C-alpha atoms as a PDB file:
ATOM      1  CA  MET A   1     -39.112  49.481  79.994  1.00  0.00           C
ATOM      2  CA  ARG A   2     -37.055  47.406  77.564  1.00  0.00           C
ATOM      3  CA  TYR A   3     -34.279  46.042  79.871  1.00  0.00           C
ATOM      4  CA  PHE A   4     -32.267  44.139  77.307  1.00  0.00           C
ATOM      5  CA  PHE A   5     -31.964  43.442  73.613  1.00  0.00           C
ATOM      6  CA  LEU A   6     -30.570  39.835  72.878  1.00  0.00           C
ATOM      7  CA  SER A   7     -28.460  39.759  69.793  1.00  0.00           C
ATOM      8  CA  TYR A   8     -27.424  36.438  68.327  1.00  0.00           C
ATOM      9  CA  ALA A   9     -26.675  34.699  64.994  1.00  0.00           C
ATOM     10  CA  HIS A  10     -29.442  32.443  63.768  1.00  0.00           C
ATOM     11  CA  GLY A  11     -28.660  28.679  63.415  1.00  0.00           C
ATOM     12  CA  SER A  12     -29.524  25.228  64.599  1.00  0.00           C
ATOM     13  CA  SER A  13     -29.326  26.338  68.236  1.00  0.00           C
ATOM     14  CA  ASP A  14     -32.134  28.791  68.056  1.00  0.00           C
ATOM     15  CA  HIS A  15     -34.300  26.617  70.376  1.00  0.00           C
ATOM     16  CA  LEU A  16     -31.530  27.101  73.045  1.00  0.00           C
ATOM     17  CA  VAL A  17     -31.508  30.826  72.572  1.00  0.00           C
ATOM     18  CA  GLU A  18     -35.253  30.887  72.899  1.00  0.00           C
ATOM     19  CA  GLU A  19     -34.925  29.001  76.204  1.00  0.00           C
ATOM     20  CA  PHE A  20     -32.261  31.335  77.474  1.00  0.00           C
ATOM     21  CA  PHE A  21     -34.310  34.424  76.516  1.00  0.00           C
ATOM     22  CA  ALA A  22     -37.395  33.083  78.434  1.00  0.00           C
ATOM     23  CA  ASP A  23     -35.305  32.243  81.433  1.00  0.00           C
ATOM     24  CA  LEU A  24     -33.581  35.676  81.520  1.00  0.00           C
ATOM     25  CA  SER A  25     -36.814  37.563  80.986  1.00  0.00           C
ATOM     26  CA  GLY A  26     -38.333  35.840  83.945  1.00  0.00           C
ATOM     27  CA  GLU A  27     -35.308  36.461  86.177  1.00  0.00           C
ATOM     28  CA  VAL A  28     -35.149  40.085  85.242  1.00  0.00           C
ATOM     29  CA  ARG A  29     -38.852  40.431  86.040  1.00  0.00           C
ATOM     30  CA  GLU A  30     -38.199  39.012  89.524  1.00  0.00           C
ATOM     31  CA  HIS A  31     -35.352  41.347  90.229  1.00  0.00           C
ATOM     32  CA  ALA A  32     -37.064  44.409  88.795  1.00  0.00           C
ATOM     33  CA  GLY A  33     -40.428  43.744  90.394  1.00  0.00           C
ATOM     34  CA  ARG A  34     -42.216  43.554  87.104  1.00  0.00           C
ATOM     35  CA  GLU A  35     -45.407  41.779  86.243  1.00  0.00           C
ATOM     36  CA  ARG A  36     -45.467  38.334  84.559  1.00  0.00           C
ATOM     37  CA  GLN A  37     -46.893  39.673  81.337  1.00  0.00           C
ATOM     38  CA  GLU A  38     -44.517  42.636  80.980  1.00  0.00           C
ATOM     39  CA  GLU A  39     -41.992  42.432  78.081  1.00  0.00           C
ATOM     40  CA  VAL A  40     -38.596  43.137  79.528  1.00  0.00           C
ATOM     41  CA  GLY A  41     -36.433  42.023  76.621  1.00  0.00           C
ATOM     42  CA  PHE A  42     -36.364  41.774  72.827  1.00  0.00           C
ATOM     43  CA  LEU A  43     -35.475  38.787  70.690  1.00  0.00           C
ATOM     44  CA  ASP A  44     -35.299  39.104  66.888  1.00  0.00           C
ATOM     45  CA  ARG A  45     -36.807  36.014  65.387  1.00  0.00           C
ATOM     46  CA  ILE A  46     -36.750  37.193  61.792  1.00  0.00           C
ATOM     47  CA  HIS A  47     -33.979  35.729  59.454  1.00  0.00           C
ATOM     48  CA  LEU A  48     -32.719  38.603  57.436  1.00  0.00           C
ATOM     49  CA  HIS A  49     -31.256  38.087  53.912  1.00  0.00           C
ATOM     50  CA  ALA A  50     -29.401  40.452  51.519  1.00  0.00           C
ATOM     51  CA  GLY A  51     -31.515  43.291  50.531  1.00  0.00           C
ATOM     52  CA  ASP A  52     -33.856  42.994  53.531  1.00  0.00           C
ATOM     53  CA  ARG A  53     -34.792  45.927  55.778  1.00  0.00           C
ATOM     54  CA  TRP A  54     -34.911  45.968  59.567  1.00  0.00           C
ATOM     55  CA  PRO A  55     -38.532  45.785  60.720  1.00  0.00           C
ATOM     56  CA  PRO A  56     -39.782  48.775  62.773  1.00  0.00           C
ATOM     57  CA  THR A  57     -40.107  46.557  65.904  1.00  0.00           C
ATOM     58  CA  LEU A  58     -36.344  45.777  65.755  1.00  0.00           C
ATOM     59  CA  ILE A  59     -35.383  49.415  65.225  1.00  0.00           C
ATOM     60  CA  GLU A  60     -37.594  50.515  68.137  1.00  0.00           C
ATOM     61  CA  ALA A  61     -36.045  47.839  70.394  1.00  0.00           C
ATOM     62  CA  LEU A  62     -32.429  48.900  69.389  1.00  0.00           C
ATOM     63  CA  GLN A  63     -33.400  52.535  70.138  1.00  0.00           C
ATOM     64  CA  THR A  64     -34.980  51.942  73.564  1.00  0.00           C
ATOM     65  CA  CYS A  65     -33.180  49.008  75.116  1.00  0.00           C
ATOM     66  CA  ARG A  66     -31.276  49.798  78.287  1.00  0.00           C
ATOM     67  CA  THR A  67     -28.685  47.074  77.802  1.00  0.00           C
ATOM     68  CA  PHE A  68     -27.478  45.030  74.803  1.00  0.00           C
ATOM     69  CA  ILE A  69     -26.492  41.299  75.213  1.00  0.00           C
ATOM     70  CA  ALA A  70     -24.491  39.759  72.448  1.00  0.00           C
ATOM     71  CA  LEU A  71     -24.219  35.967  72.213  1.00  0.00           C
ATOM     72  CA  CYS A  72     -20.658  35.737  70.808  1.00  0.00           C
ATOM     73  CA  SER A  73     -19.671  32.785  68.699  1.00  0.00           C
ATOM     74  CA  PRO A  74     -17.652  32.204  65.424  1.00  0.00           C
ATOM     75  CA  ARG A  75     -20.798  32.684  63.339  1.00  0.00           C
ATOM     76  CA  TYR A  76     -21.820  35.729  65.287  1.00  0.00           C
ATOM     77  CA  PHE A  77     -18.658  37.708  64.455  1.00  0.00           C
ATOM     78  CA  ARG A  78     -19.226  36.828  60.793  1.00  0.00           C
ATOM     79  CA  SER A  79     -22.872  38.138  60.781  1.00  0.00           C
ATOM     80  CA  VAL A  80     -23.471  41.521  59.130  1.00  0.00           C
ATOM     81  CA  PRO A  81     -26.941  41.971  60.806  1.00  0.00           C
ATOM     82  CA  CYS A  82     -25.288  41.260  64.271  1.00  0.00           C
ATOM     83  CA  GLY A  83     -22.461  43.596  63.649  1.00  0.00           C
ATOM     84  CA  LYS A  84     -24.868  46.337  62.721  1.00  0.00           C
ATOM     85  CA  GLU A  85     -26.879  45.801  65.843  1.00  0.00           C
ATOM     86  CA  TRP A  86     -23.782  46.009  67.975  1.00  0.00           C
ATOM     87  CA  GLY A  87     -22.788  49.106  65.945  1.00  0.00           C
ATOM     88  CA  VAL A  88     -26.053  50.900  66.713  1.00  0.00           C
ATOM     89  CA  PHE A  89     -25.919  50.271  70.371  1.00  0.00           C
ATOM     90  CA  SER A  90     -22.320  51.309  70.610  1.00  0.00           C
ATOM     91  CA  ARG A  91     -23.246  54.618  68.877  1.00  0.00           C
ATOM     92  CA  ARG A  92     -25.988  55.156  71.533  1.00  0.00           C
ATOM     93  CA  LEU A  93     -23.439  54.530  74.320  1.00  0.00           C
ATOM     94  CA  ALA A  94     -21.003  57.046  72.681  1.00  0.00           C
ATOM     95  CA  ALA A  95     -23.788  59.631  72.547  1.00  0.00           C
ATOM     96  CA  ASP A  96     -24.623  59.232  76.243  1.00  0.00           C
ATOM     97  CA  PRO A  97     -23.851  62.632  77.979  1.00  0.00           C
ATOM     98  CA  TRP A  98     -23.369  60.939  81.352  1.00  0.00           C
ATOM     99  CA  PRO A  99     -20.138  62.325  82.827  1.00  0.00           C
ATOM    100  CA  GLY A 100     -19.172  59.259  84.839  1.00  0.00           C
ATOM    101  CA  PRO A 101     -17.339  56.167  83.666  1.00  0.00           C
ATOM    102  CA  PRO A 102     -18.445  54.249  80.584  1.00  0.00           C
ATOM    103  CA  SER A 103     -21.658  52.332  81.043  1.00  0.00           C
ATOM    104  CA  PRO A 104     -21.310  48.448  81.185  1.00  0.00           C
ATOM    105  CA  ALA A 105     -24.504  48.192  79.212  1.00  0.00           C
ATOM    106  CA  LEU A 106     -23.039  46.300  76.230  1.00  0.00           C
ATOM    107  CA  ILE A 107     -22.699  42.836  77.669  1.00  0.00           C
ATOM    108  CA  PRO A 108     -20.811  40.254  75.401  1.00  0.00           C
ATOM    109  CA  LEU A 109     -21.442  36.591  76.428  1.00  0.00           C
ATOM    110  CA  PHE A 110     -19.712  33.661  74.970  1.00  0.00           C
ATOM    111  CA  TRP A 111     -22.283  31.316  73.437  1.00  0.00           C
ATOM    112  CA  LEU A 112     -19.285  29.367  72.262  1.00  0.00           C
ATOM    113  CA  PRO A 113     -15.597  30.118  72.525  1.00  0.00           C
ATOM    114  CA  ALA A 114     -14.716  32.586  69.715  1.00  0.00           C
ATOM    115  CA  GLU A 115     -11.911  34.783  68.429  1.00  0.00           C
ATOM    116  CA  VAL A 116     -12.856  38.475  69.117  1.00  0.00           C
ATOM    117  CA  PRO A 117     -12.080  41.012  66.401  1.00  0.00           C
ATOM    118  CA  ALA A 118      -8.822  42.739  67.377  1.00  0.00           C
ATOM    119  CA  HIS A 119     -10.346  46.267  67.424  1.00  0.00           C
ATOM    120  CA  LEU A 120     -12.913  45.119  69.956  1.00  0.00           C
ATOM    121  CA  SER A 121     -10.561  43.253  72.246  1.00  0.00           C
ATOM    122  CA  ASP A 122     -10.353  46.253  74.744  1.00  0.00           C
ATOM    123  CA  LEU A 123     -13.926  45.325  75.943  1.00  0.00           C
ATOM    124  CA  GLN A 124     -14.190  43.176  79.016  1.00  0.00           C
ATOM    125  CA  TYR A 125     -15.331  39.739  78.124  1.00  0.00           C
ATOM    126  CA  ARG A 126     -14.842  37.863  81.341  1.00  0.00           C
ATOM    127  CA  ASP A 127     -16.858  38.187  84.555  1.00  0.00           C
ATOM    128  CA  ARG A 128     -15.955  36.023  87.737  1.00  0.00           C
ATOM    129  CA  SER A 129     -19.569  36.308  88.934  1.00  0.00           C
ATOM    130  CA  PHE A 130     -20.709  34.241  85.891  1.00  0.00           C
ATOM    131  CA  GLY A 131     -18.898  31.197  87.184  1.00  0.00           C
ATOM    132  CA  ALA A 132     -16.001  28.872  86.096  1.00  0.00           C
ATOM    133  CA  PRO A 133     -18.031  26.512  83.914  1.00  0.00           C
ATOM    134  CA  TYR A 134     -19.347  29.301  81.855  1.00  0.00           C
ATOM    135  CA  ALA A 135     -15.866  30.813  81.451  1.00  0.00           C
ATOM    136  CA  GLU A 136     -14.510  27.401  80.297  1.00  0.00           C
ATOM    137  CA  HIS A 137     -17.338  26.075  78.061  1.00  0.00           C
ATOM    138  CA  GLY A 138     -19.551  29.007  77.156  1.00  0.00           C
ATOM    139  CA  LEU A 139     -23.293  29.509  77.706  1.00  0.00           C
ATOM    140  CA  ARG A 140     -24.522  27.010  75.210  1.00  0.00           C
ATOM    141  CA  LYS A 141     -22.875  24.179  77.116  1.00  0.00           C
ATOM    142  CA  LEU A 142     -24.530  25.172  80.273  1.00  0.00           C
ATOM    143  CA  LEU A 143     -27.931  24.935  78.525  1.00  0.00           C
ATOM    144  CA  GLN A 144     -27.197  21.657  76.848  1.00  0.00           C
ATOM    145  CA  LEU A 145     -25.967  19.523  79.727  1.00  0.00           C
ATOM    146  CA  ARG A 146     -27.966  18.759  82.814  1.00  0.00           C
ATOM    147  CA  LYS A 147     -24.943  18.472  85.003  1.00  0.00           C
ATOM    148  CA  TYR A 148     -24.440  22.228  84.650  1.00  0.00           C
ATOM    149  CA  ARG A 149     -28.010  23.114  85.709  1.00  0.00           C
ATOM    150  CA  ASP A 150     -27.037  24.659  88.973  1.00  0.00           C
ATOM    151  CA  ASP A 151     -24.253  26.640  87.426  1.00  0.00           C
ATOM    152  CA  TYR A 152     -26.639  27.952  84.807  1.00  0.00           C
ATOM    153  CA  LEU A 153     -29.065  29.091  87.409  1.00  0.00           C
ATOM    154  CA  GLU A 154     -26.329  30.935  89.179  1.00  0.00           C
ATOM    155  CA  PHE A 155     -25.094  32.489  85.940  1.00  0.00           C
ATOM    156  CA  LEU A 156     -28.694  33.510  85.170  1.00  0.00           C
ATOM    157  CA  ALA A 157     -29.120  35.174  88.465  1.00  0.00           C
ATOM    158  CA  SER A 158     -25.897  37.175  88.252  1.00  0.00           C
ATOM    159  CA  LEU A 159     -26.691  38.304  84.772  1.00  0.00           C
ATOM    160  CA  ALA A 160     -30.121  39.393  85.667  1.00  0.00           C
ATOM    161  CA  ILE A 161     -28.841  41.482  88.578  1.00  0.00           C
ATOM    162  CA  ARG A 162     -26.299  43.197  86.272  1.00  0.00           C
ATOM    163  CA  VAL A 163     -28.914  43.938  83.640  1.00  0.00           C
ATOM    164  CA  THR A 164     -31.489  45.265  86.070  1.00  0.00           C
ATOM    165  CA  ALA A 165     -28.960  47.494  87.934  1.00  0.00           C
ATOM    166  CA  THR A 166     -27.505  48.869  84.784  1.00  0.00           C
ATOM    167  CA  ALA A 167     -30.983  49.487  83.195  1.00  0.00           C
ATOM    168  CA  HIS A 168     -32.137  51.422  86.244  1.00  0.00           C
ATOM    169  CA  ALA A 169     -28.910  53.518  86.408  1.00  0.00           C
ATOM    170  CA  ARG A 170     -28.575  54.561  82.727  1.00  0.00           C
ATOM    171  CA  ASN A 171     -30.616  55.082  79.613  1.00  0.00           C
ATOM    172  CA  PRO A 172     -28.541  55.778  76.520  1.00  0.00           C
ATOM    173  CA  PRO A 173     -30.217  58.278  74.152  1.00  0.00           C
ATOM    174  CA  PRO A 174     -31.717  57.086  70.886  1.00  0.00           C
ATOM    175  CA  LEU A 175     -30.087  58.007  67.697  1.00  0.00           C
ATOM    176  CA  ALA A 176     -31.518  60.743  65.468  1.00  0.00           C
ATOM    177  CA  PRO A 177     -32.319  60.028  62.795  1.00  0.00           C
ATOM    178  CA  PRO A 178     -33.269  56.450  63.556  1.00  0.00           C
ATOM    179  CA  PRO A 179     -30.958  53.868  62.150  1.00  0.00           C
ATOM    180  CA  THR A 180     -31.740  51.687  59.160  1.00  0.00           C
ATOM    181  CA  PHE A 181     -30.098  48.441  58.039  1.00  0.00           C
ATOM    182  CA  ALA A 182     -28.402  50.358  55.257  1.00  0.00           C
ATOM    183  CA  SER A 183     -27.158  53.255  57.386  1.00  0.00           C
ATOM    184  CA  ALA A 184     -25.854  51.177  60.264  1.00  0.00           C
ATOM    185  CA  VAL A 185     -22.156  50.402  60.562  1.00  0.00           C
ATOM    186  CA  ASN A 186     -20.935  46.862  60.939  1.00  0.00           C
ATOM    187  CA  ALA A 187     -19.040  47.131  64.180  1.00  0.00           C
ATOM    188  CA  PHE A 188     -17.132  43.902  63.422  1.00  0.00           C
ATOM    189  CA  LEU A 189     -15.220  45.541  60.527  1.00  0.00           C
ATOM    190  CA  PRO A 190     -12.115  47.664  61.384  1.00  0.00           C
ATOM    191  CA  ALA A 191     -12.652  51.378  61.006  1.00  0.00           C
ATOM    192  CA  PRO A 192     -11.328  52.760  57.690  1.00  0.00           C
ATOM    193  CA  PRO A 193      -8.098  54.819  57.907  1.00  0.00           C
ATOM    194  CA  GLU A 194      -8.525  58.585  58.393  1.00  0.00           C
ATOM    195  CA  ARG A 195      -8.755  60.546  55.117  1.00  0.00           C
ATOM    196  CA  ASN A 196      -6.398  63.321  56.319  1.00  0.00           C
ATOM    197  CA  SER A 197      -3.540  60.796  56.882  1.00  0.00           C
ATOM    198  CA  PRO A 198      -0.663  61.413  54.498  1.00  0.00           C
ATOM    199  CA  PRO A 199      -0.661  59.188  51.417  1.00  0.00           C
ATOM    200  CA  ARG A 200       1.782  56.279  51.395  1.00  0.00           C
ATOM    201  CA  SER A 201       4.277  56.143  48.506  1.00  0.00           C
ATOM    202  CA  ALA A 202       3.700  53.344  46.181  1.00  0.00           C
ATOM    203  CA  THR A 203       7.330  52.612  45.637  1.00  0.00           C
ATOM    204  CA  ARG A 204      10.644  53.485  47.405  1.00  0.00           C
ATOM    205  CA  PRO A 205      13.655  55.150  45.750  1.00  0.00           C
ATOM    206  CA  ALA A 206      15.788  52.706  43.893  1.00  0.00           C
ATOM    207  CA  SER A 207      18.781  53.491  46.201  1.00  0.00           C
ATOM    208  CA  THR A 208      16.828  52.356  49.378  1.00  0.00           C
ATOM    209  CA  ARG A 209      14.946  49.497  47.887  1.00  0.00           C
ATOM    210  CA  GLY A 210      16.014  46.302  49.580  1.00  0.00           C
ATOM    211  CA  PRO A 211      15.690  42.700  48.335  1.00  0.00           C
ATOM    212  CA  ARG A 212      12.209  41.466  47.435  1.00  0.00           C
ATOM    213  CA  ALA A 213      10.701  39.668  50.269  1.00  0.00           C
ATOM    214  CA  LYS A 214       9.194  36.225  49.726  1.00  0.00           C
ATOM    215  CA  LEU A 215       5.725  35.499  51.078  1.00  0.00           C
ATOM    216  CA  PRO A 216       5.525  32.489  53.272  1.00  0.00           C
ATOM    217  CA  LEU A 217       3.198  29.680  52.091  1.00  0.00           C
ATOM    218  CA  VAL A 218       0.367  29.266  54.453  1.00  0.00           C
ATOM    219  CA  SER A 219      -1.581  25.986  54.637  1.00  0.00           C
ATOM    220  CA  TYR A 220      -4.755  25.301  56.622  1.00  0.00           C
ATOM    221  CA  ASP A 221      -7.265  22.637  57.254  1.00  0.00           C
ATOM    222  CA  GLU A 222     -10.968  23.134  56.420  1.00  0.00           C
ATOM    223  CA  THR A 223     -12.818  23.987  59.591  1.00  0.00           C
ATOM    224  CA  ARG A 224     -16.564  23.990  60.381  1.00  0.00           C
ATOM    225  CA  ASP A 225     -18.370  26.093  62.861  1.00  0.00           C
ATOM    226  CA  GLU A 226     -20.404  24.925  65.815  1.00  0.00           C
ATOM    227  CA  ASP A 227     -23.390  23.824  63.637  1.00  0.00           C
ATOM    228  CA  GLY A 228     -21.440  22.226  60.762  1.00  0.00           C
ATOM    229  CA  TYR A 229     -21.407  25.190  58.485  1.00  0.00           C
ATOM    230  CA  ARG A 230     -18.169  26.275  56.793  1.00  0.00           C
END
């Protein structure tokens, strides 16, 4: 069984993501009673570029994973491949015929503090069981600093329990036909307006046209993300 799919944006912290993936896989095996050699998760180690295609192993993992863990960061929400992975799993959840409440199988974790796209803000991003240090600093800091080692282990156990319980309770159906990189929708982009909405008039009648508004001047400082990229 593929218990979880770990979605992340490639960068200079990939070695920490690898460490987290190995730790979570081991913890899930313990809680699920799986053997040491069994693969319980999936981590994409291929850097995709424009024009690339999703490899069959990634598509199969997206189609069969029971939960989806997103390592959210400023770079993550700018990544087209990550947005499409999120979109595929969201479609699987929407196609689930289960009559009960929505499944908590899409698990967003803050790798670094980040601003969530407005149209995805209704999803629960906080969990008290993950601990205060995680809520304040994000997961990457727990992995980086030795003083947070105990907090990291408690976070890991809570997450593994949730992943295991959710995976045993629900299995979202795969999509038909299987998704491709080209066909998948980037979930981080707002949905386009409905085509049947009435067209908006380009201009107002002269009698009701008010004074022309002036756009405010907006200034900003150049910012860099967590790994020094603009």
